[in-house]
Amino acid sequence: MESGTAPQAPGLSPEAENWLIPLSEEQITLGTALADMRAVGDRQGTIPFLVQLVENPRFRAPGVDIFHGRVDLLAHDAIHILLGRGMMPKDESFVIGFTMGSTNRVNAAEEQLFTFIAGNLYPGVYRFTEDDIEVFRDALRLGFISGCMPLDLVDYRQFRDLTLGEVRAQLGIETPLLKAYYEIEANRYPDTPESRRLVNPA
């Protein structure tokens, strides 16, 4: 769940802003997709400590998990790809929300605390806008109603040689559910590139 791993615009390069492997792509392998993402992804730099504290599983206290759905960088990138999202702000908020929702363990207090921190305390380009928070909340609920596996518990390394379609099938990621929501998001934010391209990736 590392939103900080992909700096939000304007911190992204033009190549990273335009990067997307759409949900309709099913034939390339996860390993190929990850390599393509890393080639343009601006995946370096220092992640602010607060972002790491909230989102990185290394900072989980034994027996205590204030925020469910924390994942490392590899898992975070794989989830971006499997959900058909790029690296822009609403892509980031959707991936985090869906990952958290897929755990089926996020309560209202956790949701409120996360959105307060992400929307008010995250520094600079990492801070969520009000629209980003709405996308996060939508994704949280989609992840909850989805029949997919808890995405934070998956070892994505074992799927590198499988196609995206095969990985989605094994994890139970329901593309019709995602497509239906992406239509809604594109209509709701027609002036936002990362939302608009969900239904027209070309």
N, C-alpha and C. Protein backbone atom coordinates (compact mmCIF):
# COMPACT_ATOMS: atom_id res chain seq x y z
N MET A 1 0.82 -1.19 0.00
CA MET A 1 0.00 0.00 0.00
C MET A 1 0.86 1.25 0.00
N GLU A 2 1.92 1.29 -0.68
CA GLU A 2 2.85 2.40 -0.63
C GLU A 2 2.50 3.46 -1.65
N SER A 3 1.65 4.41 -1.24
CA SER A 3 1.34 5.47 -2.20
C SER A 3 2.59 6.28 -2.50
N GLY A 4 3.51 6.35 -1.55
CA GLY A 4 4.71 7.12 -1.76
C GLY A 4 5.66 6.51 -2.76
N THR A 5 5.46 5.25 -3.14
CA THR A 5 6.41 4.62 -4.04
C THR A 5 6.31 5.18 -5.45
N ALA A 6 5.18 5.79 -5.81
CA ALA A 6 5.04 6.42 -7.11
C ALA A 6 4.65 7.87 -6.88
N PRO A 7 5.61 8.80 -6.85
CA PRO A 7 5.30 10.20 -6.56
C PRO A 7 4.18 10.71 -7.46
N GLN A 8 3.27 11.45 -6.86
CA GLN A 8 2.12 11.94 -7.60
C GLN A 8 2.49 13.19 -8.40
N ALA A 9 1.73 13.43 -9.51
CA ALA A 9 1.97 14.59 -10.34
C ALA A 9 1.92 15.84 -9.45
N PRO A 10 2.81 16.86 -9.65
CA PRO A 10 3.75 16.97 -10.76
C PRO A 10 5.09 16.28 -10.55
N GLY A 11 5.23 15.42 -9.55
CA GLY A 11 6.49 14.75 -9.31
C GLY A 11 6.81 13.65 -10.30
N LEU A 12 5.85 13.26 -11.13
CA LEU A 12 6.08 12.21 -12.11
C LEU A 12 6.68 12.78 -13.38
N SER A 13 7.49 11.97 -14.05
CA SER A 13 7.98 12.33 -15.37
C SER A 13 6.84 12.20 -16.37
N PRO A 14 6.95 12.85 -17.54
CA PRO A 14 5.91 12.67 -18.56
C PRO A 14 5.70 11.22 -18.96
N GLU A 15 6.79 10.44 -19.01
CA GLU A 15 6.66 9.03 -19.36
C GLU A 15 5.85 8.27 -18.31
N ALA A 16 6.09 8.59 -17.04
CA ALA A 16 5.36 7.92 -15.98
C ALA A 16 3.90 8.37 -15.96
N GLU A 17 3.65 9.65 -16.21
CA GLU A 17 2.28 10.13 -16.25
C GLU A 17 1.47 9.42 -17.32
N ASN A 18 2.10 9.13 -18.44
CA ASN A 18 1.39 8.52 -19.56
C ASN A 18 1.37 7.00 -19.51
N TRP A 19 2.10 6.41 -18.56
CA TRP A 19 2.20 4.96 -18.51
C TRP A 19 0.89 4.32 -18.06
N LEU A 20 0.49 3.30 -18.81
CA LEU A 20 -0.71 2.53 -18.43
C LEU A 20 -0.72 1.22 -19.20
N ILE A 21 -0.94 0.14 -18.48
CA ILE A 21 -1.28 -1.13 -19.11
C ILE A 21 -2.75 -1.34 -18.80
N PRO A 22 -3.63 -1.15 -19.76
CA PRO A 22 -5.07 -1.14 -19.47
C PRO A 22 -5.59 -2.48 -19.00
N LEU A 23 -6.73 -2.42 -18.35
CA LEU A 23 -7.36 -3.62 -17.82
C LEU A 23 -7.67 -4.63 -18.92
N SER A 24 -7.85 -4.16 -20.12
CA SER A 24 -8.17 -5.04 -21.25
C SER A 24 -6.98 -5.90 -21.67
N GLU A 25 -5.77 -5.52 -21.26
CA GLU A 25 -4.57 -6.29 -21.60
C GLU A 25 -4.49 -7.53 -20.71
N GLU A 26 -4.49 -8.70 -21.33
CA GLU A 26 -4.47 -9.94 -20.56
C GLU A 26 -3.34 -10.88 -20.96
N GLN A 27 -2.64 -10.60 -22.06
CA GLN A 27 -1.72 -11.59 -22.63
C GLN A 27 -0.27 -11.44 -22.20
N ILE A 28 0.16 -10.25 -21.80
CA ILE A 28 1.55 -10.12 -21.39
C ILE A 28 1.72 -10.69 -19.99
N THR A 29 2.93 -11.06 -19.64
CA THR A 29 3.16 -11.64 -18.32
C THR A 29 3.29 -10.53 -17.27
N LEU A 30 3.06 -10.91 -16.05
CA LEU A 30 3.21 -9.95 -14.96
C LEU A 30 4.66 -9.46 -14.88
N GLY A 31 5.62 -10.36 -15.09
CA GLY A 31 7.03 -9.97 -15.06
C GLY A 31 7.36 -8.92 -16.11
N THR A 32 6.84 -9.11 -17.32
CA THR A 32 7.06 -8.13 -18.39
C THR A 32 6.44 -6.79 -18.04
N ALA A 33 5.24 -6.83 -17.49
CA ALA A 33 4.55 -5.59 -17.12
C ALA A 33 5.30 -4.86 -16.01
N LEU A 34 5.80 -5.60 -15.04
CA LEU A 34 6.57 -4.97 -13.95
C LEU A 34 7.84 -4.32 -14.48
N ALA A 35 8.53 -4.99 -15.39
CA ALA A 35 9.74 -4.43 -15.97
C ALA A 35 9.43 -3.15 -16.75
N ASP A 36 8.32 -3.16 -17.48
CA ASP A 36 7.91 -1.98 -18.24
C ASP A 36 7.59 -0.82 -17.30
N MET A 37 6.91 -1.13 -16.21
CA MET A 37 6.56 -0.10 -15.24
C MET A 37 7.80 0.49 -14.59
N ARG A 38 8.73 -0.37 -14.21
CA ARG A 38 9.95 0.10 -13.56
C ARG A 38 10.81 0.94 -14.50
N ALA A 39 10.70 0.69 -15.81
CA ALA A 39 11.52 1.42 -16.77
C ALA A 39 11.14 2.89 -16.85
N VAL A 40 9.90 3.22 -16.52
CA VAL A 40 9.44 4.61 -16.64
C VAL A 40 8.97 5.20 -15.32
N GLY A 41 9.05 4.41 -14.24
CA GLY A 41 8.28 4.73 -13.06
C GLY A 41 8.80 5.69 -12.03
N ASP A 42 9.98 6.29 -12.23
CA ASP A 42 10.49 7.20 -11.20
C ASP A 42 10.42 6.55 -9.82
N ARG A 43 10.89 5.31 -9.69
CA ARG A 43 10.70 4.57 -8.45
C ARG A 43 11.83 4.82 -7.43
N GLN A 44 12.54 5.91 -7.59
CA GLN A 44 13.60 6.19 -6.65
C GLN A 44 13.28 7.44 -5.85
N GLY A 45 14.19 7.80 -4.98
CA GLY A 45 13.97 8.97 -4.16
C GLY A 45 13.57 8.58 -2.74
N THR A 46 13.61 9.54 -1.85
CA THR A 46 13.31 9.30 -0.45
C THR A 46 11.82 9.47 -0.20
N ILE A 47 11.20 8.40 0.33
CA ILE A 47 9.79 8.46 0.68
C ILE A 47 9.68 9.12 2.04
N PRO A 48 8.82 10.13 2.19
CA PRO A 48 8.68 10.77 3.51
C PRO A 48 8.36 9.76 4.59
N PHE A 49 8.90 10.00 5.78
CA PHE A 49 8.76 9.04 6.86
C PHE A 49 7.29 8.79 7.20
N LEU A 50 6.46 9.82 7.20
CA LEU A 50 5.05 9.63 7.54
C LEU A 50 4.37 8.68 6.58
N VAL A 51 4.67 8.80 5.28
CA VAL A 51 4.08 7.91 4.28
C VAL A 51 4.52 6.48 4.56
N GLN A 52 5.80 6.29 4.84
CA GLN A 52 6.29 4.95 5.16
C GLN A 52 5.66 4.41 6.43
N LEU A 53 5.51 5.26 7.42
CA LEU A 53 4.95 4.83 8.70
C LEU A 53 3.53 4.31 8.53
N VAL A 54 2.76 4.97 7.67
CA VAL A 54 1.37 4.59 7.46
C VAL A 54 1.24 3.39 6.52
N GLU A 55 2.08 3.32 5.48
CA GLU A 55 1.83 2.40 4.38
C GLU A 55 2.81 1.24 4.23
N ASN A 56 3.96 1.31 4.86
CA ASN A 56 4.96 0.28 4.66
C ASN A 56 4.83 -0.81 5.72
N PRO A 57 4.74 -2.07 5.33
CA PRO A 57 4.58 -3.14 6.32
C PRO A 57 5.76 -3.28 7.28
N ARG A 58 6.91 -2.69 6.94
CA ARG A 58 8.05 -2.75 7.86
C ARG A 58 7.77 -2.03 9.17
N PHE A 59 6.81 -1.09 9.16
CA PHE A 59 6.52 -0.29 10.34
C PHE A 59 5.31 -0.81 11.12
N ARG A 60 4.87 -2.02 10.77
CA ARG A 60 3.76 -2.62 11.50
C ARG A 60 4.26 -3.14 12.84
N ALA A 61 3.62 -2.70 13.92
CA ALA A 61 4.00 -3.18 15.25
C ALA A 61 3.51 -4.60 15.45
N PRO A 62 4.29 -5.45 16.14
CA PRO A 62 3.87 -6.84 16.36
C PRO A 62 2.50 -6.92 17.02
N GLY A 63 1.59 -7.65 16.37
CA GLY A 63 0.27 -7.84 16.93
C GLY A 63 -0.67 -6.65 16.76
N VAL A 64 -0.19 -5.58 16.14
CA VAL A 64 -1.01 -4.39 15.97
C VAL A 64 -0.98 -3.96 14.50
N ASP A 65 -2.15 -3.75 13.94
CA ASP A 65 -2.20 -3.30 12.55
C ASP A 65 -3.24 -2.19 12.44
N ILE A 66 -2.79 -0.95 12.61
CA ILE A 66 -3.71 0.18 12.56
C ILE A 66 -4.29 0.33 11.16
N PHE A 67 -3.44 0.12 10.14
CA PHE A 67 -3.89 0.24 8.75
C PHE A 67 -3.71 -1.10 8.05
N HIS A 68 -4.80 -1.70 7.63
CA HIS A 68 -4.76 -2.98 6.94
C HIS A 68 -4.44 -2.77 5.47
N GLY A 69 -3.80 -3.77 4.86
CA GLY A 69 -3.51 -3.70 3.44
C GLY A 69 -2.15 -3.16 3.09
N ARG A 70 -1.27 -3.03 4.05
CA ARG A 70 0.09 -2.57 3.75
C ARG A 70 0.81 -3.61 2.91
N VAL A 71 1.51 -3.15 1.88
CA VAL A 71 2.27 -4.06 1.01
C VAL A 71 3.61 -3.43 0.67
N ASP A 72 4.56 -4.26 0.24
CA ASP A 72 5.86 -3.74 -0.17
C ASP A 72 5.76 -3.22 -1.61
N LEU A 73 6.87 -2.70 -2.11
CA LEU A 73 6.88 -2.04 -3.42
C LEU A 73 6.52 -2.99 -4.55
N LEU A 74 7.06 -4.21 -4.53
CA LEU A 74 6.75 -5.16 -5.59
C LEU A 74 5.27 -5.46 -5.64
N ALA A 75 4.68 -5.73 -4.49
CA ALA A 75 3.25 -6.02 -4.44
C ALA A 75 2.43 -4.82 -4.88
N HIS A 76 2.83 -3.65 -4.43
CA HIS A 76 2.11 -2.42 -4.79
C HIS A 76 2.10 -2.22 -6.31
N ASP A 77 3.26 -2.40 -6.93
CA ASP A 77 3.34 -2.24 -8.38
C ASP A 77 2.52 -3.31 -9.10
N ALA A 78 2.58 -4.55 -8.61
CA ALA A 78 1.81 -5.63 -9.23
C ALA A 78 0.32 -5.35 -9.15
N ILE A 79 -0.14 -4.80 -8.03
CA ILE A 79 -1.56 -4.49 -7.88
C ILE A 79 -1.96 -3.38 -8.84
N HIS A 80 -1.12 -2.36 -9.00
CA HIS A 80 -1.38 -1.32 -10.02
C HIS A 80 -1.68 -1.98 -11.36
N ILE A 81 -0.81 -2.90 -11.76
CA ILE A 81 -0.91 -3.55 -13.06
C ILE A 81 -2.16 -4.41 -13.16
N LEU A 82 -2.41 -5.21 -12.15
CA LEU A 82 -3.55 -6.13 -12.19
C LEU A 82 -4.88 -5.41 -12.16
N LEU A 83 -4.93 -4.23 -11.55
CA LEU A 83 -6.16 -3.44 -11.54
C LEU A 83 -6.27 -2.53 -12.75
N GLY A 84 -5.25 -2.54 -13.61
CA GLY A 84 -5.30 -1.70 -14.80
C GLY A 84 -5.19 -0.22 -14.51
N ARG A 85 -4.34 0.13 -13.54
CA ARG A 85 -4.17 1.53 -13.17
C ARG A 85 -2.74 1.99 -13.46
N GLY A 86 -2.61 3.28 -13.77
CA GLY A 86 -1.31 3.87 -14.01
C GLY A 86 -0.68 4.39 -12.74
N MET A 87 0.05 5.52 -12.84
CA MET A 87 0.80 6.04 -11.70
C MET A 87 0.36 7.43 -11.27
N MET A 88 -0.76 7.91 -11.79
CA MET A 88 -1.25 9.24 -11.46
C MET A 88 -1.98 9.22 -10.12
N PRO A 89 -2.31 10.41 -9.58
CA PRO A 89 -2.88 10.47 -8.22
C PRO A 89 -4.11 9.60 -7.98
N LYS A 90 -5.08 9.64 -8.87
CA LYS A 90 -6.28 8.83 -8.64
C LYS A 90 -6.00 7.34 -8.84
N ASP A 91 -5.03 7.02 -9.69
CA ASP A 91 -4.59 5.64 -9.78
C ASP A 91 -4.05 5.17 -8.43
N GLU A 92 -3.24 6.02 -7.83
CA GLU A 92 -2.62 5.68 -6.54
C GLU A 92 -3.68 5.51 -5.46
N SER A 93 -4.61 6.44 -5.38
CA SER A 93 -5.62 6.35 -4.32
C SER A 93 -6.53 5.14 -4.55
N PHE A 94 -6.79 4.80 -5.81
CA PHE A 94 -7.63 3.62 -6.09
C PHE A 94 -6.91 2.34 -5.66
N VAL A 95 -5.65 2.22 -6.02
CA VAL A 95 -4.89 1.00 -5.68
C VAL A 95 -4.82 0.82 -4.16
N ILE A 96 -4.56 1.89 -3.44
CA ILE A 96 -4.49 1.79 -1.99
C ILE A 96 -5.85 1.39 -1.42
N GLY A 97 -6.90 2.06 -1.89
CA GLY A 97 -8.23 1.76 -1.38
C GLY A 97 -8.67 0.34 -1.66
N PHE A 98 -8.45 -0.12 -2.89
CA PHE A 98 -8.88 -1.47 -3.26
C PHE A 98 -8.08 -2.51 -2.46
N THR A 99 -6.80 -2.27 -2.29
CA THR A 99 -5.97 -3.20 -1.52
C THR A 99 -6.47 -3.29 -0.08
N MET A 100 -6.73 -2.15 0.53
CA MET A 100 -7.24 -2.14 1.90
C MET A 100 -8.61 -2.82 1.97
N GLY A 101 -9.47 -2.50 1.00
CA GLY A 101 -10.81 -3.09 1.02
C GLY A 101 -10.79 -4.60 0.86
N SER A 102 -9.84 -5.11 0.08
CA SER A 102 -9.79 -6.55 -0.17
C SER A 102 -9.48 -7.35 1.09
N THR A 103 -8.96 -6.69 2.13
CA THR A 103 -8.68 -7.39 3.39
C THR A 103 -9.96 -7.68 4.16
N ASN A 104 -11.04 -6.95 3.85
CA ASN A 104 -12.31 -7.07 4.57
C ASN A 104 -12.16 -6.81 6.07
N ARG A 105 -11.18 -5.97 6.41
CA ARG A 105 -10.91 -5.72 7.83
C ARG A 105 -10.90 -4.24 8.18
N VAL A 106 -11.19 -3.38 7.22
CA VAL A 106 -11.13 -1.94 7.46
C VAL A 106 -12.46 -1.46 8.02
N ASN A 107 -12.44 -0.84 9.18
CA ASN A 107 -13.67 -0.29 9.75
C ASN A 107 -13.74 1.21 9.50
N ALA A 108 -14.83 1.83 9.94
CA ALA A 108 -15.06 3.25 9.66
C ALA A 108 -13.99 4.13 10.31
N ALA A 109 -13.57 3.78 11.51
CA ALA A 109 -12.56 4.58 12.19
C ALA A 109 -11.23 4.55 11.44
N GLU A 110 -10.85 3.36 10.94
CA GLU A 110 -9.61 3.24 10.18
C GLU A 110 -9.69 4.05 8.89
N GLU A 111 -10.82 3.96 8.21
CA GLU A 111 -11.02 4.74 6.98
C GLU A 111 -10.89 6.23 7.25
N GLN A 112 -11.53 6.70 8.31
CA GLN A 112 -11.48 8.13 8.63
C GLN A 112 -10.07 8.57 9.00
N LEU A 113 -9.37 7.74 9.77
CA LEU A 113 -8.01 8.10 10.16
C LEU A 113 -7.09 8.15 8.96
N PHE A 114 -7.19 7.14 8.07
CA PHE A 114 -6.32 7.14 6.90
C PHE A 114 -6.60 8.36 6.01
N THR A 115 -7.86 8.65 5.73
CA THR A 115 -8.18 9.78 4.84
C THR A 115 -7.77 11.11 5.47
N PHE A 116 -7.86 11.21 6.81
CA PHE A 116 -7.40 12.44 7.46
C PHE A 116 -5.90 12.61 7.27
N ILE A 117 -5.15 11.55 7.51
CA ILE A 117 -3.69 11.64 7.37
C ILE A 117 -3.30 11.90 5.92
N ALA A 118 -3.86 11.12 4.98
CA ALA A 118 -3.50 11.27 3.57
C ALA A 118 -3.93 12.61 3.01
N GLY A 119 -5.04 13.15 3.50
CA GLY A 119 -5.57 14.40 2.96
C GLY A 119 -5.08 15.64 3.65
N ASN A 120 -4.46 15.50 4.83
CA ASN A 120 -4.05 16.68 5.59
C ASN A 120 -2.59 16.67 6.03
N LEU A 121 -2.04 15.50 6.29
CA LEU A 121 -0.70 15.44 6.87
C LEU A 121 0.37 14.95 5.90
N TYR A 122 -0.02 14.20 4.87
CA TYR A 122 0.98 13.78 3.88
C TYR A 122 1.61 15.03 3.26
N PRO A 123 2.92 15.03 3.06
CA PRO A 123 3.58 16.23 2.53
C PRO A 123 3.48 16.35 1.01
N GLY A 124 3.40 17.59 0.56
CA GLY A 124 3.52 17.92 -0.86
C GLY A 124 2.72 17.07 -1.81
N VAL A 125 3.42 16.48 -2.80
CA VAL A 125 2.77 15.73 -3.87
C VAL A 125 2.15 14.43 -3.40
N TYR A 126 2.44 14.01 -2.18
CA TYR A 126 1.86 12.78 -1.66
C TYR A 126 0.47 12.98 -1.08
N ARG A 127 0.09 14.23 -0.85
CA ARG A 127 -1.19 14.52 -0.20
C ARG A 127 -2.36 14.27 -1.14
N PHE A 128 -3.39 13.62 -0.64
CA PHE A 128 -4.61 13.35 -1.41
C PHE A 128 -5.48 14.59 -1.49
N THR A 129 -6.02 14.86 -2.67
CA THR A 129 -7.05 15.90 -2.81
C THR A 129 -8.40 15.32 -2.37
N GLU A 130 -9.42 16.16 -2.32
CA GLU A 130 -10.75 15.67 -1.97
C GLU A 130 -11.23 14.63 -2.98
N ASP A 131 -10.96 14.87 -4.27
CA ASP A 131 -11.35 13.89 -5.29
C ASP A 131 -10.59 12.58 -5.13
N ASP A 132 -9.31 12.67 -4.81
CA ASP A 132 -8.52 11.46 -4.58
C ASP A 132 -9.11 10.64 -3.43
N ILE A 133 -9.54 11.33 -2.39
CA ILE A 133 -10.13 10.65 -1.24
C ILE A 133 -11.43 9.97 -1.64
N GLU A 134 -12.23 10.62 -2.48
CA GLU A 134 -13.47 9.98 -2.94
C GLU A 134 -13.18 8.72 -3.74
N VAL A 135 -12.16 8.77 -4.60
CA VAL A 135 -11.78 7.58 -5.36
C VAL A 135 -11.28 6.49 -4.41
N PHE A 136 -10.51 6.89 -3.41
CA PHE A 136 -10.04 5.93 -2.40
C PHE A 136 -11.23 5.24 -1.74
N ARG A 137 -12.21 6.02 -1.35
CA ARG A 137 -13.37 5.44 -0.66
C ARG A 137 -14.16 4.52 -1.58
N ASP A 138 -14.32 4.91 -2.83
CA ASP A 138 -14.99 4.03 -3.79
C ASP A 138 -14.24 2.70 -3.91
N ALA A 139 -12.92 2.80 -4.03
CA ALA A 139 -12.10 1.60 -4.21
C ALA A 139 -12.13 0.72 -2.96
N LEU A 140 -12.15 1.35 -1.80
CA LEU A 140 -12.23 0.60 -0.55
C LEU A 140 -13.48 -0.28 -0.54
N ARG A 141 -14.59 0.28 -0.98
CA ARG A 141 -15.84 -0.48 -1.00
C ARG A 141 -15.85 -1.53 -2.10
N LEU A 142 -15.26 -1.20 -3.24
CA LEU A 142 -15.15 -2.20 -4.31
C LEU A 142 -14.31 -3.39 -3.86
N GLY A 143 -13.20 -3.11 -3.21
CA GLY A 143 -12.35 -4.19 -2.72
C GLY A 143 -13.08 -5.05 -1.71
N PHE A 144 -13.93 -4.42 -0.91
CA PHE A 144 -14.68 -5.15 0.12
C PHE A 144 -15.71 -6.09 -0.51
N ILE A 145 -16.42 -5.61 -1.54
CA ILE A 145 -17.46 -6.45 -2.14
C ILE A 145 -16.91 -7.43 -3.16
N SER A 146 -15.67 -7.21 -3.58
CA SER A 146 -15.06 -8.12 -4.54
C SER A 146 -14.82 -9.49 -3.89
N GLY A 147 -14.86 -10.51 -4.70
CA GLY A 147 -14.57 -11.85 -4.21
C GLY A 147 -13.10 -12.22 -4.32
N CYS A 148 -12.24 -11.24 -4.59
CA CYS A 148 -10.82 -11.55 -4.77
C CYS A 148 -10.14 -11.89 -3.45
N MET A 149 -8.98 -12.49 -3.55
CA MET A 149 -8.17 -12.78 -2.38
C MET A 149 -7.73 -11.47 -1.73
N PRO A 150 -7.42 -11.47 -0.43
CA PRO A 150 -6.80 -10.29 0.18
C PRO A 150 -5.48 -9.99 -0.52
N LEU A 151 -5.41 -8.89 -1.20
CA LEU A 151 -4.26 -8.62 -2.07
C LEU A 151 -2.98 -8.35 -1.30
N ASP A 152 -3.09 -8.06 -0.02
CA ASP A 152 -1.88 -7.83 0.78
C ASP A 152 -1.21 -9.12 1.21
N LEU A 153 -1.87 -10.25 1.00
CA LEU A 153 -1.32 -11.53 1.45
C LEU A 153 -0.71 -12.35 0.31
N VAL A 154 -0.70 -11.80 -0.89
CA VAL A 154 -0.25 -12.53 -2.07
C VAL A 154 1.26 -12.36 -2.26
N ASP A 155 1.94 -13.46 -2.59
CA ASP A 155 3.35 -13.40 -3.00
C ASP A 155 3.36 -13.28 -4.53
N TYR A 156 3.52 -12.08 -5.02
CA TYR A 156 3.40 -11.83 -6.46
C TYR A 156 4.59 -12.37 -7.25
N ARG A 157 5.68 -12.68 -6.57
CA ARG A 157 6.85 -13.22 -7.28
C ARG A 157 6.53 -14.55 -7.96
N GLN A 158 5.64 -15.32 -7.39
CA GLN A 158 5.31 -16.62 -7.96
C GLN A 158 4.51 -16.51 -9.25
N PHE A 159 4.00 -15.31 -9.55
CA PHE A 159 3.15 -15.12 -10.73
C PHE A 159 3.86 -14.40 -11.87
N ARG A 160 5.15 -14.14 -11.75
CA ARG A 160 5.86 -13.34 -12.75
C ARG A 160 5.75 -13.92 -14.17
N ASP A 161 5.70 -15.24 -14.30
CA ASP A 161 5.69 -15.86 -15.62
C ASP A 161 4.28 -16.15 -16.14
N LEU A 162 3.27 -15.78 -15.38
CA LEU A 162 1.89 -15.96 -15.83
C LEU A 162 1.39 -14.70 -16.52
N THR A 163 0.43 -14.84 -17.42
CA THR A 163 -0.16 -13.67 -18.07
C THR A 163 -1.03 -12.92 -17.06
N LEU A 164 -1.30 -11.66 -17.36
CA LEU A 164 -2.15 -10.86 -16.47
C LEU A 164 -3.53 -11.49 -16.33
N GLY A 165 -4.05 -12.03 -17.43
CA GLY A 165 -5.35 -12.69 -17.36
C GLY A 165 -5.33 -13.89 -16.43
N GLU A 166 -4.24 -14.64 -16.48
CA GLU A 166 -4.11 -15.82 -15.62
C GLU A 166 -3.99 -15.43 -14.15
N VAL A 167 -3.21 -14.38 -13.88
CA VAL A 167 -3.04 -13.94 -12.49
C VAL A 167 -4.37 -13.42 -11.94
N ARG A 168 -5.06 -12.59 -12.73
CA ARG A 168 -6.36 -12.09 -12.27
C ARG A 168 -7.32 -13.23 -11.96
N ALA A 169 -7.31 -14.24 -12.81
CA ALA A 169 -8.21 -15.38 -12.59
C ALA A 169 -7.84 -16.11 -11.30
N GLN A 170 -6.56 -16.32 -11.06
CA GLN A 170 -6.13 -17.04 -9.86
C GLN A 170 -6.43 -16.26 -8.59
N LEU A 171 -6.35 -14.93 -8.67
CA LEU A 171 -6.59 -14.10 -7.48
C LEU A 171 -8.07 -13.73 -7.33
N GLY A 172 -8.87 -14.02 -8.34
CA GLY A 172 -10.29 -13.69 -8.27
C GLY A 172 -10.60 -12.23 -8.52
N ILE A 173 -9.72 -11.53 -9.23
CA ILE A 173 -9.96 -10.12 -9.56
C ILE A 173 -10.99 -10.05 -10.67
N GLU A 174 -12.11 -9.43 -10.39
CA GLU A 174 -13.27 -9.42 -11.30
C GLU A 174 -13.20 -8.21 -12.23
N THR A 175 -12.77 -8.42 -13.46
CA THR A 175 -12.64 -7.30 -14.39
C THR A 175 -13.98 -6.65 -14.71
N PRO A 176 -15.10 -7.37 -14.80
CA PRO A 176 -16.36 -6.67 -15.05
C PRO A 176 -16.72 -5.66 -13.95
N LEU A 177 -16.42 -6.00 -12.71
CA LEU A 177 -16.67 -5.08 -11.60
C LEU A 177 -15.82 -3.83 -11.75
N LEU A 178 -14.54 -4.02 -12.07
CA LEU A 178 -13.66 -2.88 -12.25
C LEU A 178 -14.08 -2.02 -13.44
N LYS A 179 -14.42 -2.66 -14.55
CA LYS A 179 -14.83 -1.91 -15.74
C LYS A 179 -16.06 -1.07 -15.46
N ALA A 180 -17.01 -1.62 -14.73
CA ALA A 180 -18.23 -0.88 -14.42
C ALA A 180 -17.91 0.36 -13.60
N TYR A 181 -17.02 0.21 -12.62
CA TYR A 181 -16.65 1.38 -11.82
C TYR A 181 -15.84 2.38 -12.64
N TYR A 182 -14.95 1.90 -13.50
CA TYR A 182 -14.13 2.81 -14.28
C TYR A 182 -14.97 3.69 -15.19
N GLU A 183 -16.07 3.17 -15.69
CA GLU A 183 -17.01 4.00 -16.46
C GLU A 183 -17.55 5.13 -15.58
N ILE A 184 -17.89 4.80 -14.36
CA ILE A 184 -18.41 5.81 -13.43
C ILE A 184 -17.35 6.85 -13.13
N GLU A 185 -16.13 6.40 -12.84
CA GLU A 185 -15.06 7.34 -12.52
C GLU A 185 -14.75 8.26 -13.69
N ALA A 186 -14.73 7.70 -14.89
CA ALA A 186 -14.44 8.52 -16.08
C ALA A 186 -15.51 9.58 -16.30
N ASN A 187 -16.76 9.24 -16.04
CA ASN A 187 -17.85 10.20 -16.18
C ASN A 187 -17.83 11.24 -15.07
N ARG A 188 -17.39 10.84 -13.91
CA ARG A 188 -17.38 11.74 -12.75
C ARG A 188 -16.25 12.75 -12.86
N TYR A 189 -15.11 12.33 -13.43
CA TYR A 189 -13.94 13.21 -13.54
C TYR A 189 -13.48 13.29 -15.00
N PRO A 190 -14.29 13.85 -15.88
CA PRO A 190 -13.97 13.85 -17.32
C PRO A 190 -12.74 14.67 -17.67
N ASP A 191 -12.33 15.58 -16.79
CA ASP A 191 -11.16 16.41 -17.07
C ASP A 191 -9.89 15.87 -16.43
N THR A 192 -9.98 14.69 -15.83
CA THR A 192 -8.82 14.09 -15.18
C THR A 192 -8.27 12.99 -16.07
N PRO A 193 -7.04 13.14 -16.57
CA PRO A 193 -6.51 12.17 -17.55
C PRO A 193 -6.54 10.73 -17.07
N GLU A 194 -6.14 10.48 -15.80
CA GLU A 194 -6.05 9.10 -15.34
C GLU A 194 -7.42 8.44 -15.20
N SER A 195 -8.47 9.25 -15.03
CA SER A 195 -9.82 8.69 -14.98
C SER A 195 -10.38 8.50 -16.39
N ARG A 196 -10.18 9.48 -17.22
CA ARG A 196 -10.71 9.42 -18.58
C ARG A 196 -10.13 8.26 -19.38
N ARG A 197 -8.85 7.99 -19.19
CA ARG A 197 -8.21 6.95 -20.01
C ARG A 197 -8.58 5.54 -19.56
N LEU A 198 -9.27 5.40 -18.45
CA LEU A 198 -9.71 4.08 -18.02
C LEU A 198 -10.66 3.43 -19.02
N VAL A 199 -11.43 4.27 -19.71
CA VAL A 199 -12.38 3.76 -20.69
C VAL A 199 -11.91 4.02 -22.12
N ASN A 200 -10.87 4.81 -22.27
CA ASN A 200 -10.32 5.10 -23.59
C ASN A 200 -8.80 5.21 -23.46
N PRO A 201 -8.11 4.07 -23.20
CA PRO A 201 -6.67 4.12 -22.91
C PRO A 201 -5.82 4.62 -24.07
N ALA A 202 -6.32 4.57 -25.27
CA ALA A 202 -5.56 5.07 -26.41
C ALA A 202 -5.52 6.58 -26.39
